[in-house]
C-alpha atoms as a PDB file:
ATOM      1  CA  MET A   1       0.058   0.118   0.148  1.00  0.00           C
ATOM      2  CA  THR A   2       1.179   3.626  -0.766  1.00  0.00           C
ATOM      3  CA  THR A   3       0.803   6.347   1.422  1.00  0.00           C
ATOM      4  CA  ARG A   4       1.398   9.909   0.304  1.00  0.00           C
ATOM      5  CA  ILE A   5       3.826  11.870   2.891  1.00  0.00           C
ATOM      6  CA  LEU A   6       2.804  15.476   3.130  1.00  0.00           C
ATOM      7  CA  THR A   7       6.030  17.017   4.297  1.00  0.00           C
ATOM      8  CA  GLU A   8       9.520  17.512   2.748  1.00  0.00           C
ATOM      9  CA  ALA A   9      11.332  16.075   5.864  1.00  0.00           C
ATOM     10  CA  ALA A  10      10.797  12.520   7.173  1.00  0.00           C
ATOM     11  CA  ALA A  11      12.353  10.352   9.992  1.00  0.00           C
ATOM     12  CA  SER A  12      12.209   6.870  11.543  1.00  0.00           C
ATOM     13  CA  ILE A  13      10.642   6.126  14.919  1.00  0.00           C
ATOM     14  CA  SER A  14      14.230   4.795  15.922  1.00  0.00           C
ATOM     15  CA  GLU A  15      15.608   8.341  15.072  1.00  0.00           C
ATOM     16  CA  LEU A  16      12.678   9.899  16.909  1.00  0.00           C
ATOM     17  CA  LYS A  17      13.463   7.647  19.904  1.00  0.00           C
ATOM     18  CA  ALA A  18      17.279   8.518  19.976  1.00  0.00           C
ATOM     19  CA  ASN A  19      16.770  12.265  19.572  1.00  0.00           C
ATOM     20  CA  PRO A  20      13.209  13.630  19.595  1.00  0.00           C
ATOM     21  CA  MET A  21      14.572  17.444  19.588  1.00  0.00           C
ATOM     22  CA  LYS A  22      16.942  16.891  16.681  1.00  0.00           C
ATOM     23  CA  VAL A  23      14.081  15.179  14.792  1.00  0.00           C
ATOM     24  CA  ALA A  24      11.599  18.054  15.565  1.00  0.00           C
ATOM     25  CA  LEU A  25      14.107  20.914  14.579  1.00  0.00           C
ATOM     26  CA  SER A  26      15.674  19.021  11.486  1.00  0.00           C
ATOM     27  CA  ALA A  27      13.147  20.658   9.224  1.00  0.00           C
ATOM     28  CA  ASP A  28      13.992  24.338  10.167  1.00  0.00           C
ATOM     29  CA  GLY A  29       9.818  24.743  11.808  1.00  0.00           C
ATOM     30  CA  ALA A  30       8.178  22.931   9.076  1.00  0.00           C
ATOM     31  CA  PRO A  31       6.560  19.503  10.083  1.00  0.00           C
ATOM     32  CA  VAL A  32       8.162  16.207  10.240  1.00  0.00           C
ATOM     33  CA  ALA A  33       6.555  12.845   9.163  1.00  0.00           C
ATOM     34  CA  VAL A  34       7.647   9.843  11.511  1.00  0.00           C
ATOM     35  CA  LEU A  35       7.571   6.778   9.756  1.00  0.00           C
ATOM     36  CA  ASN A  36       6.965   3.451  10.943  1.00  0.00           C
ATOM     37  CA  ARG A  37       8.185   0.920   8.196  1.00  0.00           C
ATOM     38  CA  ASN A  38       8.500   3.526   5.685  1.00  0.00           C
ATOM     39  CA  GLU A  39       4.575   4.524   6.161  1.00  0.00           C
ATOM     40  CA  PRO A  40       3.897   7.981   7.817  1.00  0.00           C
ATOM     41  CA  ALA A  41       2.737   7.308  11.695  1.00  0.00           C
ATOM     42  CA  PHE A  42       2.332  10.546  12.641  1.00  0.00           C
ATOM     43  CA  TYR A  43       3.648  14.031  12.036  1.00  0.00           C
ATOM     44  CA  CYS A  44       5.932  16.177  14.052  1.00  0.00           C
ATOM     45  CA  VAL A  45       4.487  19.483  13.879  1.00  0.00           C
ATOM     46  CA  PRO A  46       6.650  22.357  15.628  1.00  0.00           C
ATOM     47  CA  ALA A  47       4.387  24.557  18.168  1.00  0.00           C
ATOM     48  CA  GLU A  48       4.577  27.674  15.932  1.00  0.00           C
ATOM     49  CA  ALA A  49       3.495  25.690  12.704  1.00  0.00           C
ATOM     50  CA  TYR A  50       0.551  24.089  14.995  1.00  0.00           C
ATOM     51  CA  GLU A  51      -0.571  27.529  16.170  1.00  0.00           C
ATOM     52  CA  MET A  52      -0.707  28.683  12.686  1.00  0.00           C
ATOM     53  CA  LEU A  53      -2.526  25.731  11.463  1.00  0.00           C
ATOM     54  CA  MET A  54      -4.967  26.382  14.324  1.00  0.00           C
ATOM     55  CA  ASP A  55      -5.543  30.153  13.530  1.00  0.00           C
ATOM     56  CA  HIS A  56      -6.172  29.098   9.920  1.00  0.00           C
ATOM     57  CA  VAL A  57      -8.636  26.433  10.840  1.00  0.00           C
ATOM     58  CA  GLU A  58     -10.384  28.844  13.024  1.00  0.00           C
ATOM     59  CA  ASP A  59     -10.514  31.438  10.164  1.00  0.00           C
ATOM     60  CA  LEU A  60     -12.066  28.691   7.939  1.00  0.00           C
ATOM     61  CA  GLU A  61     -14.877  28.074  10.380  1.00  0.00           C
ATOM     62  CA  LEU A  62     -15.579  31.868  10.959  1.00  0.00           C
ATOM     63  CA  LEU A  63     -15.646  32.219   7.254  1.00  0.00           C
ATOM     64  CA  ALA A  64     -18.281  29.472   6.738  1.00  0.00           C
ATOM     65  CA  ILE A  65     -20.378  30.627   9.324  1.00  0.00           C
ATOM     66  CA  ALA A  66     -20.237  34.637   7.699  1.00  0.00           C
ATOM     67  CA  GLU A  67     -21.143  32.670   4.209  1.00  0.00           C
ATOM     68  CA  LYS A  68     -24.141  30.924   6.139  1.00  0.00           C
ATOM     69  CA  ARG A  69     -25.374  34.044   7.634  1.00  0.00           C
ATOM     70  CA  LYS A  70     -24.764  36.608   4.795  1.00  0.00           C
ATOM     71  CA  ASP A  71     -28.076  36.573   3.367  1.00  0.00           C
ATOM     72  CA  GLU A  72     -30.024  37.016   6.578  1.00  0.00           C
ATOM     73  CA  GLU A  73     -32.107  40.051   7.758  1.00  0.00           C
ATOM     74  CA  SER A  74     -29.705  42.432   9.659  1.00  0.00           C
ATOM     75  CA  ILE A  75     -31.204  43.797  12.820  1.00  0.00           C
ATOM     76  CA  LYS A  76     -30.165  47.680  13.710  1.00  0.00           C
ATOM     77  CA  ALA A  77     -28.848  48.124  17.264  1.00  0.00           C
ATOM     78  CA  ASP A  78     -27.726  51.085  19.208  1.00  0.00           C
ATOM     79  CA  ILE A  79     -24.717  50.268  21.293  1.00  0.00           C
ATOM     80  CA  ASP A  80     -25.718  52.584  23.898  1.00  0.00           C
ATOM     81  CA  GLU A  81     -28.814  50.465  24.490  1.00  0.00           C
ATOM     82  CA  LEU A  82     -26.806  47.204  24.878  1.00  0.00           C
END
């Protein structure tokens, strides 16, 4: 079975066990595919990249809500009355 590896960098589980920080830092801030028997088992994603990914996911969720509501009737409100 062939599986796509969605990163430029990859490391084996043995390499990860031997030196986790070396593997994590080996891709200069990009994710690293951790392979088990030449198949991706999981991705090691640096904190900064993960935070950026989560921000992007949140933006997409908010966009979906905005698209869903764009044709709804608007209600005028006075901020002083809130």
